[in-house]
Amino acid sequence: MTSRLVITVPGEPRSQDRRTRQLRAKDGRVFSGTYLLPETRAWREAILAAARRHPDFPRAPWEGPVRVSIEAFFPRPKALYAKKHPPGEIRKNSKPDADNLVKAVLDALTPPRPTRVTTEAQRKVLRIGYLWIDDGQVHLGPVDRWYHAVESGPGVIITIEKIEEATR
């Protein structure tokens, strides 16, 4: 079992985008609720599915510190296909923000919180199929955003590795 995974997810990267809307309870009280956009939910599911297909995906979630590096490749605008632009990747300096991209990736690979109180044994079963126990374990490496090269397409390359504990 290796302690390093490189996961490639094809498709346009999506940032974590939660929307808020006003809801009305049966008794007439108004409150705010949040929801995920369907595109964001589908993107998170694609990340988790790609991770689970990796041959070295762990049977049990990793414990301890983990480093995550992300390279996101966005669709190249038509204007950047002109001969005056290089055919390779071009750095993207616009939205979506890197922190929102990271949030989508981390949330996809983190087990959901149980909605009701459960025993530790039940929580252990719920964590199966995810990379780590909690995203608090994650130490962030570089997060780069690019327009994809002419000969390739959009997607994300996620590099995940366990950090060996060392005393300072």
N, C-alpha and C. Protein backbone atom coordinates (compact mmCIF):
# COMPACT_ATOMS: atom_id res chain seq x y z
N MET A 1 0.86 -1.19 0.00
CA MET A 1 0.00 0.00 0.00
C MET A 1 0.89 1.24 0.00
N THR A 2 0.67 2.07 -0.96
CA THR A 2 1.46 3.29 -1.07
C THR A 2 0.83 4.40 -0.22
N SER A 3 1.64 5.37 0.14
CA SER A 3 1.10 6.49 0.90
C SER A 3 1.04 7.74 0.03
N ARG A 4 0.95 7.53 -1.30
CA ARG A 4 0.83 8.65 -2.23
C ARG A 4 -0.13 8.26 -3.35
N LEU A 5 -1.12 9.11 -3.60
CA LEU A 5 -2.08 8.88 -4.67
C LEU A 5 -2.07 10.08 -5.60
N VAL A 6 -2.13 9.83 -6.90
CA VAL A 6 -2.30 10.88 -7.89
C VAL A 6 -3.60 10.56 -8.63
N ILE A 7 -4.59 11.42 -8.45
CA ILE A 7 -5.92 11.19 -8.99
C ILE A 7 -6.18 12.22 -10.09
N THR A 8 -6.61 11.73 -11.25
CA THR A 8 -6.95 12.60 -12.37
C THR A 8 -8.46 12.55 -12.58
N VAL A 9 -9.08 13.70 -12.59
CA VAL A 9 -10.53 13.80 -12.78
C VAL A 9 -10.79 14.65 -14.02
N PRO A 10 -11.31 14.04 -15.10
CA PRO A 10 -11.61 14.84 -16.29
C PRO A 10 -12.88 15.67 -16.09
N GLY A 11 -13.00 16.75 -16.83
CA GLY A 11 -14.19 17.60 -16.76
C GLY A 11 -13.85 18.97 -16.21
N GLU A 12 -14.78 19.89 -16.41
CA GLU A 12 -14.56 21.26 -15.96
C GLU A 12 -14.58 21.34 -14.44
N PRO A 13 -13.51 21.86 -13.82
CA PRO A 13 -13.47 21.99 -12.36
C PRO A 13 -14.58 22.92 -11.86
N ARG A 14 -15.15 22.55 -10.74
CA ARG A 14 -16.21 23.35 -10.11
C ARG A 14 -15.77 23.77 -8.73
N SER A 15 -16.12 24.97 -8.34
CA SER A 15 -15.81 25.43 -6.99
C SER A 15 -16.97 25.05 -6.07
N GLN A 16 -16.68 25.10 -4.79
CA GLN A 16 -17.72 24.83 -3.79
C GLN A 16 -18.64 26.04 -3.79
N ASP A 17 -19.87 25.86 -4.20
CA ASP A 17 -20.80 26.97 -4.32
C ASP A 17 -22.09 26.61 -3.61
N ARG A 18 -22.29 27.19 -2.46
CA ARG A 18 -23.54 26.97 -1.72
C ARG A 18 -24.44 28.18 -1.93
N ARG A 19 -25.67 27.91 -2.11
CA ARG A 19 -26.65 28.99 -2.28
C ARG A 19 -27.56 29.02 -1.05
N THR A 20 -28.03 30.20 -0.74
CA THR A 20 -28.94 30.38 0.38
C THR A 20 -30.28 30.84 -0.16
N ARG A 21 -31.33 30.32 0.44
CA ARG A 21 -32.67 30.77 0.04
C ARG A 21 -33.56 30.86 1.28
N GLN A 22 -34.57 31.68 1.16
CA GLN A 22 -35.53 31.85 2.23
C GLN A 22 -36.54 30.70 2.19
N LEU A 23 -36.77 30.07 3.32
CA LEU A 23 -37.74 28.99 3.42
C LEU A 23 -38.78 29.38 4.45
N ARG A 24 -39.96 28.80 4.32
CA ARG A 24 -41.04 29.10 5.26
C ARG A 24 -41.48 27.80 5.93
N ALA A 25 -41.49 27.81 7.25
CA ALA A 25 -41.93 26.64 8.01
C ALA A 25 -43.45 26.54 7.95
N LYS A 26 -43.99 25.39 8.36
CA LYS A 26 -45.45 25.18 8.33
C LYS A 26 -46.19 26.18 9.21
N ASP A 27 -45.53 26.63 10.27
CA ASP A 27 -46.19 27.60 11.15
C ASP A 27 -46.02 29.04 10.67
N GLY A 28 -45.39 29.23 9.50
CA GLY A 28 -45.27 30.56 8.91
C GLY A 28 -43.96 31.26 9.17
N ARG A 29 -43.11 30.72 10.06
CA ARG A 29 -41.82 31.36 10.34
C ARG A 29 -40.91 31.24 9.13
N VAL A 30 -40.12 32.29 8.91
CA VAL A 30 -39.18 32.32 7.79
C VAL A 30 -37.78 32.03 8.32
N PHE A 31 -37.05 31.20 7.62
CA PHE A 31 -35.66 30.93 7.98
C PHE A 31 -34.85 30.73 6.70
N SER A 32 -33.52 30.80 6.85
CA SER A 32 -32.64 30.62 5.69
C SER A 32 -32.14 29.19 5.65
N GLY A 33 -32.05 28.65 4.45
CA GLY A 33 -31.50 27.31 4.25
C GLY A 33 -30.47 27.36 3.14
N THR A 34 -29.47 26.48 3.20
CA THR A 34 -28.47 26.43 2.15
C THR A 34 -28.60 25.12 1.39
N TYR A 35 -28.15 25.13 0.15
CA TYR A 35 -28.17 23.93 -0.67
C TYR A 35 -27.02 23.98 -1.66
N LEU A 36 -26.63 22.81 -2.15
CA LEU A 36 -25.57 22.71 -3.15
C LEU A 36 -26.19 22.74 -4.53
N LEU A 37 -25.52 23.39 -5.46
CA LEU A 37 -25.97 23.36 -6.84
C LEU A 37 -25.77 21.95 -7.40
N PRO A 38 -26.63 21.49 -8.29
CA PRO A 38 -26.47 20.15 -8.86
C PRO A 38 -25.12 19.94 -9.55
N GLU A 39 -24.58 20.98 -10.20
CA GLU A 39 -23.28 20.85 -10.86
C GLU A 39 -22.17 20.61 -9.84
N THR A 40 -22.25 21.28 -8.70
CA THR A 40 -21.25 21.11 -7.65
C THR A 40 -21.34 19.71 -7.07
N ARG A 41 -22.55 19.23 -6.83
CA ARG A 41 -22.74 17.88 -6.29
C ARG A 41 -22.19 16.84 -7.26
N ALA A 42 -22.46 17.01 -8.56
CA ALA A 42 -21.97 16.06 -9.57
C ALA A 42 -20.44 16.09 -9.63
N TRP A 43 -19.84 17.27 -9.51
CA TRP A 43 -18.38 17.38 -9.55
C TRP A 43 -17.76 16.66 -8.35
N ARG A 44 -18.33 16.85 -7.17
CA ARG A 44 -17.82 16.17 -5.97
C ARG A 44 -17.95 14.66 -6.11
N GLU A 45 -19.05 14.19 -6.67
CA GLU A 45 -19.23 12.75 -6.88
C GLU A 45 -18.21 12.21 -7.88
N ALA A 46 -17.87 13.00 -8.91
CA ALA A 46 -16.87 12.58 -9.89
C ALA A 46 -15.49 12.47 -9.25
N ILE A 47 -15.15 13.38 -8.36
CA ILE A 47 -13.87 13.34 -7.65
C ILE A 47 -13.78 12.08 -6.80
N LEU A 48 -14.82 11.80 -6.03
CA LEU A 48 -14.81 10.63 -5.16
C LEU A 48 -14.76 9.34 -5.98
N ALA A 49 -15.50 9.29 -7.08
CA ALA A 49 -15.50 8.08 -7.92
C ALA A 49 -14.12 7.85 -8.52
N ALA A 50 -13.45 8.91 -8.98
CA ALA A 50 -12.11 8.77 -9.55
C ALA A 50 -11.12 8.31 -8.48
N ALA A 51 -11.26 8.84 -7.27
CA ALA A 51 -10.37 8.43 -6.18
C ALA A 51 -10.58 6.95 -5.84
N ARG A 52 -11.82 6.51 -5.78
CA ARG A 52 -12.11 5.12 -5.44
C ARG A 52 -11.64 4.14 -6.52
N ARG A 53 -11.53 4.59 -7.77
CA ARG A 53 -11.03 3.73 -8.84
C ARG A 53 -9.51 3.56 -8.80
N HIS A 54 -8.82 4.41 -8.06
CA HIS A 54 -7.37 4.32 -7.99
C HIS A 54 -6.98 2.98 -7.37
N PRO A 55 -6.00 2.27 -7.96
CA PRO A 55 -5.65 0.94 -7.45
C PRO A 55 -5.11 0.95 -6.02
N ASP A 56 -4.56 2.07 -5.55
CA ASP A 56 -4.00 2.13 -4.20
C ASP A 56 -4.91 2.84 -3.21
N PHE A 57 -6.20 2.98 -3.56
CA PHE A 57 -7.14 3.63 -2.64
C PHE A 57 -7.19 2.81 -1.35
N PRO A 58 -7.03 3.47 -0.19
CA PRO A 58 -6.96 2.71 1.07
C PRO A 58 -8.31 2.09 1.48
N ARG A 59 -8.22 0.94 2.12
CA ARG A 59 -9.44 0.27 2.62
C ARG A 59 -10.06 1.05 3.76
N ALA A 60 -9.22 1.61 4.60
CA ALA A 60 -9.69 2.41 5.73
C ALA A 60 -9.14 3.82 5.58
N PRO A 61 -9.86 4.83 6.06
CA PRO A 61 -9.37 6.21 5.94
C PRO A 61 -8.02 6.39 6.63
N TRP A 62 -7.20 7.24 6.03
CA TRP A 62 -5.90 7.53 6.61
C TRP A 62 -6.07 8.33 7.89
N GLU A 63 -5.21 8.06 8.85
CA GLU A 63 -5.17 8.85 10.07
C GLU A 63 -3.88 9.65 10.05
N GLY A 64 -3.85 10.75 10.74
CA GLY A 64 -2.65 11.58 10.76
C GLY A 64 -2.65 12.60 9.64
N PRO A 65 -1.56 13.38 9.56
CA PRO A 65 -1.52 14.47 8.59
C PRO A 65 -1.40 13.99 7.14
N VAL A 66 -2.05 14.74 6.26
CA VAL A 66 -2.10 14.43 4.83
C VAL A 66 -1.84 15.73 4.06
N ARG A 67 -1.05 15.65 2.99
CA ARG A 67 -0.81 16.83 2.15
C ARG A 67 -1.57 16.67 0.84
N VAL A 68 -2.26 17.72 0.42
CA VAL A 68 -3.03 17.70 -0.83
C VAL A 68 -2.56 18.84 -1.71
N SER A 69 -2.21 18.50 -2.96
CA SER A 69 -1.85 19.50 -3.97
C SER A 69 -2.83 19.37 -5.12
N ILE A 70 -3.23 20.50 -5.70
CA ILE A 70 -4.25 20.49 -6.74
C ILE A 70 -3.78 21.31 -7.94
N GLU A 71 -3.94 20.73 -9.12
CA GLU A 71 -3.74 21.46 -10.37
C GLU A 71 -5.06 21.39 -11.13
N ALA A 72 -5.70 22.53 -11.32
CA ALA A 72 -7.00 22.59 -12.01
C ALA A 72 -6.79 23.17 -13.40
N PHE A 73 -7.33 22.49 -14.40
CA PHE A 73 -7.22 22.92 -15.79
C PHE A 73 -8.62 23.27 -16.30
N PHE A 74 -8.82 24.53 -16.62
CA PHE A 74 -10.13 25.03 -17.04
C PHE A 74 -10.22 25.07 -18.56
N PRO A 75 -11.45 25.10 -19.08
CA PRO A 75 -11.62 25.21 -20.54
C PRO A 75 -10.92 26.46 -21.06
N ARG A 76 -10.25 26.30 -22.16
CA ARG A 76 -9.50 27.39 -22.78
C ARG A 76 -10.47 28.23 -23.60
N PRO A 77 -10.54 29.55 -23.35
CA PRO A 77 -11.41 30.41 -24.16
C PRO A 77 -10.95 30.42 -25.62
N LYS A 78 -11.87 30.64 -26.52
CA LYS A 78 -11.54 30.64 -27.96
C LYS A 78 -10.45 31.65 -28.30
N ALA A 79 -10.43 32.77 -27.61
CA ALA A 79 -9.42 33.79 -27.89
C ALA A 79 -8.01 33.28 -27.64
N LEU A 80 -7.84 32.31 -26.74
CA LEU A 80 -6.52 31.79 -26.42
C LEU A 80 -6.06 30.69 -27.38
N TYR A 81 -6.87 30.36 -28.38
CA TYR A 81 -6.45 29.40 -29.40
C TYR A 81 -5.69 30.10 -30.53
N ALA A 82 -5.63 31.42 -30.52
CA ALA A 82 -4.92 32.17 -31.56
C ALA A 82 -3.43 31.83 -31.53
N LYS A 83 -2.79 31.94 -32.68
CA LYS A 83 -1.38 31.54 -32.80
C LYS A 83 -0.46 32.38 -31.93
N LYS A 84 -0.89 33.58 -31.55
CA LYS A 84 -0.01 34.42 -30.73
C LYS A 84 0.11 33.90 -29.30
N HIS A 85 -0.78 32.98 -28.89
CA HIS A 85 -0.73 32.41 -27.54
C HIS A 85 -0.02 31.06 -27.57
N PRO A 86 0.71 30.73 -26.51
CA PRO A 86 1.41 29.45 -26.50
C PRO A 86 0.43 28.28 -26.49
N PRO A 87 0.81 27.13 -27.07
CA PRO A 87 -0.10 25.99 -27.11
C PRO A 87 -0.21 25.25 -25.77
N GLY A 88 0.72 25.51 -24.86
CA GLY A 88 0.71 24.84 -23.55
C GLY A 88 -0.27 25.49 -22.60
N GLU A 89 -0.16 25.09 -21.33
CA GLU A 89 -1.04 25.66 -20.31
C GLU A 89 -0.76 27.15 -20.13
N ILE A 90 -1.82 27.89 -19.82
CA ILE A 90 -1.72 29.33 -19.54
C ILE A 90 -2.33 29.56 -18.16
N ARG A 91 -1.59 30.26 -17.31
CA ARG A 91 -2.07 30.49 -15.95
C ARG A 91 -3.39 31.24 -15.97
N LYS A 92 -4.32 30.82 -15.11
CA LYS A 92 -5.65 31.45 -15.00
C LYS A 92 -5.65 32.32 -13.75
N ASN A 93 -5.96 33.58 -13.91
CA ASN A 93 -5.94 34.52 -12.79
C ASN A 93 -7.31 35.12 -12.53
N SER A 94 -8.33 34.32 -12.71
CA SER A 94 -9.68 34.82 -12.48
C SER A 94 -10.47 33.78 -11.69
N LYS A 95 -11.73 34.05 -11.47
CA LYS A 95 -12.57 33.13 -10.71
C LYS A 95 -12.68 31.80 -11.41
N PRO A 96 -12.92 30.72 -10.71
CA PRO A 96 -13.21 30.63 -9.29
C PRO A 96 -11.94 30.72 -8.43
N ASP A 97 -12.12 31.16 -7.21
CA ASP A 97 -11.01 31.30 -6.28
C ASP A 97 -10.44 29.93 -5.93
N ALA A 98 -9.15 29.90 -5.65
CA ALA A 98 -8.48 28.64 -5.31
C ALA A 98 -9.07 28.02 -4.05
N ASP A 99 -9.43 28.84 -3.06
CA ASP A 99 -9.95 28.27 -1.81
C ASP A 99 -11.29 27.57 -2.02
N ASN A 100 -12.10 28.04 -2.95
CA ASN A 100 -13.37 27.37 -3.23
C ASN A 100 -13.16 26.07 -4.00
N LEU A 101 -12.12 26.01 -4.84
CA LEU A 101 -11.77 24.75 -5.51
C LEU A 101 -11.31 23.72 -4.49
N VAL A 102 -10.48 24.17 -3.56
CA VAL A 102 -9.97 23.28 -2.52
C VAL A 102 -11.13 22.73 -1.69
N LYS A 103 -12.06 23.58 -1.33
CA LYS A 103 -13.19 23.16 -0.51
C LYS A 103 -13.98 22.06 -1.20
N ALA A 104 -14.21 22.16 -2.50
CA ALA A 104 -14.95 21.13 -3.22
C ALA A 104 -14.20 19.80 -3.20
N VAL A 105 -12.88 19.85 -3.40
CA VAL A 105 -12.07 18.62 -3.40
C VAL A 105 -12.06 17.98 -2.02
N LEU A 106 -11.79 18.78 -1.00
CA LEU A 106 -11.72 18.24 0.36
C LEU A 106 -13.07 17.68 0.81
N ASP A 107 -14.15 18.39 0.52
CA ASP A 107 -15.47 17.90 0.91
C ASP A 107 -15.83 16.60 0.20
N ALA A 108 -15.34 16.43 -1.04
CA ALA A 108 -15.63 15.21 -1.78
C ALA A 108 -14.95 14.00 -1.16
N LEU A 109 -13.79 14.18 -0.58
CA LEU A 109 -12.99 13.07 -0.05
C LEU A 109 -13.13 12.88 1.45
N THR A 110 -13.95 13.71 2.09
CA THR A 110 -14.19 13.63 3.53
C THR A 110 -15.54 12.99 3.78
N PRO A 111 -15.62 12.03 4.73
CA PRO A 111 -16.92 11.40 4.99
C PRO A 111 -17.93 12.42 5.53
N PRO A 112 -19.20 12.25 5.17
CA PRO A 112 -20.22 13.18 5.67
C PRO A 112 -20.41 13.00 7.17
N ARG A 113 -20.82 14.07 7.81
CA ARG A 113 -21.12 14.00 9.24
C ARG A 113 -22.46 13.29 9.42
N PRO A 114 -22.53 12.37 10.39
CA PRO A 114 -23.83 11.73 10.63
C PRO A 114 -24.84 12.76 11.11
N THR A 115 -26.08 12.63 10.65
CA THR A 115 -27.11 13.62 11.02
C THR A 115 -27.63 13.40 12.43
N ARG A 116 -27.46 12.21 12.95
CA ARG A 116 -27.89 11.96 14.33
C ARG A 116 -26.74 11.32 15.09
N VAL A 117 -26.84 11.33 16.39
CA VAL A 117 -25.77 10.79 17.22
C VAL A 117 -25.64 9.30 16.94
N THR A 118 -24.42 8.87 16.71
CA THR A 118 -24.15 7.46 16.44
C THR A 118 -23.02 6.99 17.33
N THR A 119 -22.86 5.69 17.40
CA THR A 119 -21.75 5.13 18.17
C THR A 119 -20.48 5.23 17.34
N GLU A 120 -19.35 5.05 17.98
CA GLU A 120 -18.07 5.11 17.27
C GLU A 120 -18.00 4.00 16.22
N ALA A 121 -18.57 2.83 16.52
CA ALA A 121 -18.56 1.73 15.55
C ALA A 121 -19.36 2.10 14.30
N GLN A 122 -20.50 2.77 14.47
CA GLN A 122 -21.30 3.19 13.32
C GLN A 122 -20.56 4.26 12.51
N ARG A 123 -19.89 5.20 13.21
CA ARG A 123 -19.13 6.23 12.50
C ARG A 123 -17.99 5.62 11.70
N LYS A 124 -17.37 4.57 12.26
CA LYS A 124 -16.27 3.89 11.56
C LYS A 124 -16.75 3.28 10.25
N VAL A 125 -17.94 2.71 10.26
CA VAL A 125 -18.52 2.13 9.04
C VAL A 125 -18.83 3.22 8.03
N LEU A 126 -19.35 4.36 8.48
CA LEU A 126 -19.68 5.47 7.58
C LEU A 126 -18.44 6.06 6.90
N ARG A 127 -17.27 5.91 7.53
CA ARG A 127 -16.04 6.49 6.98
C ARG A 127 -15.42 5.63 5.87
N ILE A 128 -15.84 4.39 5.74
CA ILE A 128 -15.27 3.51 4.72
C ILE A 128 -15.56 4.09 3.34
N GLY A 129 -14.56 4.08 2.48
CA GLY A 129 -14.72 4.62 1.14
C GLY A 129 -14.30 6.07 1.00
N TYR A 130 -13.73 6.63 2.05
CA TYR A 130 -13.23 8.00 2.01
C TYR A 130 -11.74 7.98 2.35
N LEU A 131 -11.02 9.05 2.00
CA LEU A 131 -9.56 9.05 2.15
C LEU A 131 -9.06 9.37 3.54
N TRP A 132 -9.75 10.24 4.26
CA TRP A 132 -9.32 10.60 5.60
C TRP A 132 -10.54 10.73 6.49
N ILE A 133 -10.30 10.85 7.77
CA ILE A 133 -11.40 10.91 8.74
C ILE A 133 -12.03 12.29 8.76
N ASP A 134 -11.17 13.33 8.75
CA ASP A 134 -11.66 14.70 8.84
C ASP A 134 -10.74 15.60 8.01
N ASP A 135 -11.30 16.61 7.35
CA ASP A 135 -10.45 17.47 6.53
C ASP A 135 -9.54 18.37 7.36
N GLY A 136 -9.66 18.33 8.68
CA GLY A 136 -8.72 19.02 9.55
C GLY A 136 -7.33 18.39 9.50
N GLN A 137 -7.22 17.16 9.00
CA GLN A 137 -5.94 16.47 8.86
C GLN A 137 -5.14 17.00 7.68
N VAL A 138 -5.78 17.74 6.79
CA VAL A 138 -5.16 18.13 5.53
C VAL A 138 -4.28 19.36 5.69
N HIS A 139 -3.06 19.22 5.18
CA HIS A 139 -2.12 20.34 5.04
C HIS A 139 -2.06 20.62 3.55
N LEU A 140 -2.30 21.84 3.19
CA LEU A 140 -2.44 22.17 1.78
C LEU A 140 -1.10 22.42 1.12
N GLY A 141 -0.90 21.78 -0.01
CA GLY A 141 0.25 22.04 -0.87
C GLY A 141 -0.16 23.10 -1.87
N PRO A 142 0.57 23.20 -2.98
CA PRO A 142 0.21 24.22 -3.96
C PRO A 142 -1.14 23.95 -4.63
N VAL A 143 -1.84 25.01 -4.95
CA VAL A 143 -3.09 24.95 -5.71
C VAL A 143 -2.89 25.86 -6.92
N ASP A 144 -2.83 25.25 -8.10
CA ASP A 144 -2.60 26.01 -9.32
C ASP A 144 -3.81 25.93 -10.23
N ARG A 145 -4.11 27.06 -10.89
CA ARG A 145 -5.23 27.13 -11.84
C ARG A 145 -4.68 27.49 -13.20
N TRP A 146 -5.06 26.73 -14.22
CA TRP A 146 -4.57 26.92 -15.58
C TRP A 146 -5.71 26.81 -16.57
N TYR A 147 -5.50 27.40 -17.76
CA TYR A 147 -6.31 27.06 -18.92
C TYR A 147 -5.59 25.88 -19.54
N HIS A 148 -6.32 24.86 -19.95
CA HIS A 148 -5.69 23.64 -20.44
C HIS A 148 -4.89 23.88 -21.73
N ALA A 149 -3.96 22.99 -22.00
CA ALA A 149 -3.16 23.06 -23.23
C ALA A 149 -4.06 22.76 -24.42
N VAL A 150 -3.65 23.20 -25.60
CA VAL A 150 -4.45 23.03 -26.81
C VAL A 150 -4.78 21.56 -27.06
N GLU A 151 -3.81 20.66 -26.85
CA GLU A 151 -4.01 19.24 -27.17
C GLU A 151 -4.69 18.45 -26.05
N SER A 152 -5.00 19.07 -24.94
CA SER A 152 -5.66 18.35 -23.84
C SER A 152 -7.00 19.00 -23.52
N GLY A 153 -7.59 18.60 -22.43
CA GLY A 153 -8.89 19.13 -22.05
C GLY A 153 -8.92 19.52 -20.58
N PRO A 154 -10.07 20.01 -20.10
CA PRO A 154 -10.17 20.43 -18.70
C PRO A 154 -10.17 19.23 -17.76
N GLY A 155 -9.80 19.49 -16.53
CA GLY A 155 -9.78 18.46 -15.51
C GLY A 155 -8.98 18.91 -14.31
N VAL A 156 -8.77 17.98 -13.39
CA VAL A 156 -8.03 18.27 -12.17
C VAL A 156 -7.08 17.12 -11.90
N ILE A 157 -5.87 17.45 -11.45
CA ILE A 157 -4.93 16.45 -10.97
C ILE A 157 -4.74 16.72 -9.48
N ILE A 158 -5.10 15.73 -8.68
CA ILE A 158 -5.03 15.85 -7.22
C ILE A 158 -3.94 14.90 -6.73
N THR A 159 -2.96 15.43 -6.04
CA THR A 159 -1.89 14.61 -5.46
C THR A 159 -2.08 14.60 -3.95
N ILE A 160 -2.19 13.39 -3.41
CA ILE A 160 -2.46 13.23 -1.98
C ILE A 160 -1.37 12.33 -1.40
N GLU A 161 -0.75 12.77 -0.31
CA GLU A 161 0.27 11.93 0.31
C GLU A 161 0.22 12.06 1.82
N LYS A 162 0.52 10.94 2.48
CA LYS A 162 0.62 10.96 3.93
C LYS A 162 1.90 11.66 4.31
N ILE A 163 1.84 12.43 5.36
CA ILE A 163 3.02 13.13 5.88
C ILE A 163 3.56 12.29 7.04
N GLU A 164 4.81 11.89 6.91
CA GLU A 164 5.43 11.14 7.99
C GLU A 164 5.74 12.10 9.13
N GLU A 165 5.33 11.71 10.31
CA GLU A 165 5.52 12.54 11.48
C GLU A 165 7.00 12.68 11.79
N ALA A 166 7.44 13.87 12.01
CA ALA A 166 8.82 14.13 12.40
C ALA A 166 8.80 15.17 13.53
N THR A 167 9.60 14.97 14.51
CA THR A 167 9.64 15.93 15.62
C THR A 167 10.56 17.08 15.26
N ARG A 168 10.19 18.24 15.71
CA ARG A 168 11.02 19.43 15.47
C ARG A 168 11.67 19.87 16.72
